[in-house]
């Protein structure tokens, strides 16, 4: 197994292009970057919420993790909306339970 490391610093416009590509790897890279770097919290939260409903688990996992990063970086989220969406993810993708719990912990600690 080999690891591929990428710089998660993708600017806003490039993240939009990667999301629009529809390629799983590009969408995951964009979501990671959005969580770690995006300055527009509302836009970032909205993007993550949209991708929480994706059918691809790696994309959903990345969106959930990005929400935890947004909570840590910005200190606020629309928690009512986020909690409902994460509960839905737990039902749709039970294998992501641990990731969802980590995200909920981040939100609890940082918001």
Protein backbone atom coordinates (compact mmCIF):
# COMPACT_ATOMS: atom_id res chain seq x y z
CA UNK A 1 0.00 0.00 0.00
CA UNK A 2 1.26 3.45 -0.81
CA UNK A 3 0.18 6.73 0.65
CA UNK A 4 -0.44 9.78 -1.47
CA UNK A 5 -0.10 13.06 0.37
CA UNK A 6 -1.57 16.21 -1.06
CA UNK A 7 -1.49 19.81 0.06
CA UNK A 8 -5.05 20.51 1.23
CA UNK A 9 -4.71 24.24 0.45
CA UNK A 10 -7.01 24.70 -2.52
CA UNK A 11 -8.43 28.15 -3.08
CA UNK A 12 -12.18 28.79 -3.23
CA UNK A 13 -12.42 28.92 -7.04
CA UNK A 14 -10.39 25.75 -7.50
CA UNK A 15 -12.55 23.98 -4.89
CA UNK A 16 -15.64 24.92 -6.90
CA UNK A 17 -14.05 23.48 -10.05
CA UNK A 18 -13.13 20.25 -8.27
CA UNK A 19 -16.65 19.88 -6.89
CA UNK A 20 -18.12 20.47 -10.35
CA UNK A 21 -15.90 17.77 -11.86
CA UNK A 22 -18.00 15.09 -10.17
CA UNK A 23 -14.93 12.89 -9.77
CA UNK A 24 -14.95 11.30 -6.32
CA UNK A 25 -11.26 12.03 -5.61
CA UNK A 26 -11.67 15.66 -6.68
CA UNK A 27 -14.79 16.14 -4.57
CA UNK A 28 -13.06 14.62 -1.53
CA UNK A 29 -10.02 16.90 -2.05
CA UNK A 30 -12.28 19.94 -2.37
CA UNK A 31 -14.23 19.07 0.79
CA UNK A 32 -11.05 18.56 2.81
CA UNK A 33 -9.72 21.90 1.63
CA UNK A 34 -13.04 23.64 2.32
CA UNK A 35 -13.04 22.31 5.87
CA UNK A 36 -9.46 23.38 6.50
CA UNK A 37 -9.25 26.65 4.59
CA UNK A 38 -12.53 28.23 3.50
CA UNK A 39 -13.13 31.65 5.06
CA UNK A 40 -16.84 31.84 4.17
CA UNK A 41 -18.34 29.69 6.92
CA UNK A 42 -21.90 29.79 5.60
CA UNK A 43 -20.88 28.75 2.10
CA UNK A 44 -18.64 25.98 3.47
CA UNK A 45 -21.38 24.67 5.73
CA UNK A 46 -23.85 24.66 2.85
CA UNK A 47 -21.49 22.73 0.60
CA UNK A 48 -20.84 20.15 3.30
CA UNK A 49 -24.55 19.75 3.99
CA UNK A 50 -25.18 19.15 0.29
CA UNK A 51 -22.52 16.44 0.11
CA UNK A 52 -23.75 14.68 3.26
CA UNK A 53 -26.55 13.29 1.07
CA UNK A 54 -24.18 11.82 -1.51
CA UNK A 55 -24.27 8.07 -2.14
CA UNK A 56 -20.47 7.68 -2.03
CA UNK A 57 -19.29 7.02 1.51
CA UNK A 58 -15.87 8.65 1.06
CA UNK A 59 -17.57 11.87 -0.04
CA UNK A 60 -20.03 11.77 2.87
CA UNK A 61 -17.18 11.04 5.30
CA UNK A 62 -15.19 13.97 3.93
CA UNK A 63 -18.17 16.32 4.20
CA UNK A 64 -18.77 15.28 7.81
CA UNK A 65 -15.11 15.66 8.73
CA UNK A 66 -15.02 19.07 7.04
CA UNK A 67 -17.92 20.19 9.23
CA UNK A 68 -15.85 19.34 12.30
CA UNK A 69 -12.98 21.42 10.91
CA UNK A 70 -15.33 24.32 10.20
CA UNK A 71 -16.60 24.18 13.79
CA UNK A 72 -13.03 24.21 15.08
CA UNK A 73 -11.90 27.06 12.83
CA UNK A 74 -14.97 29.31 13.00
CA UNK A 75 -16.42 28.45 16.41
CA UNK A 76 -19.96 28.27 15.10
CA UNK A 77 -22.28 26.28 12.87
CA UNK A 78 -26.01 26.01 12.35
CA UNK A 79 -26.04 23.14 14.83
CA UNK A 80 -29.74 22.34 14.58
CA UNK A 81 -29.48 21.76 10.83
CA UNK A 82 -26.13 19.96 11.12
CA UNK A 83 -27.31 17.62 13.89
CA UNK A 84 -30.37 16.58 11.87
CA UNK A 85 -28.24 15.96 8.78
CA UNK A 86 -25.68 13.92 10.71
CA UNK A 87 -28.43 11.80 12.27
CA UNK A 88 -29.67 11.06 8.76
CA UNK A 89 -26.15 10.06 7.70
CA UNK A 90 -25.95 7.62 10.62
CA UNK A 91 -29.06 5.86 9.28
CA UNK A 92 -27.99 5.96 5.63
CA UNK A 93 -24.33 5.04 6.16
CA UNK A 94 -24.02 3.10 9.45
CA UNK A 95 -20.37 2.36 8.68
CA UNK A 96 -19.63 6.08 9.17
CA UNK A 97 -20.79 6.04 12.81
CA UNK A 98 -17.28 6.73 14.15
CA UNK A 99 -16.67 9.63 11.80
CA UNK A 100 -20.05 11.14 12.66
CA UNK A 101 -19.32 10.81 16.38
CA UNK A 102 -15.95 12.54 15.89
CA UNK A 103 -17.67 15.37 14.04
CA UNK A 104 -20.29 15.71 16.76
CA UNK A 105 -17.53 15.83 19.37
CA UNK A 106 -15.75 18.59 17.44
CA UNK A 107 -18.96 20.58 17.18
CA UNK A 108 -19.62 20.10 20.89
CA UNK A 109 -16.12 21.22 21.89
CA UNK A 110 -15.68 24.14 19.50
CA UNK A 111 -19.11 25.73 19.16
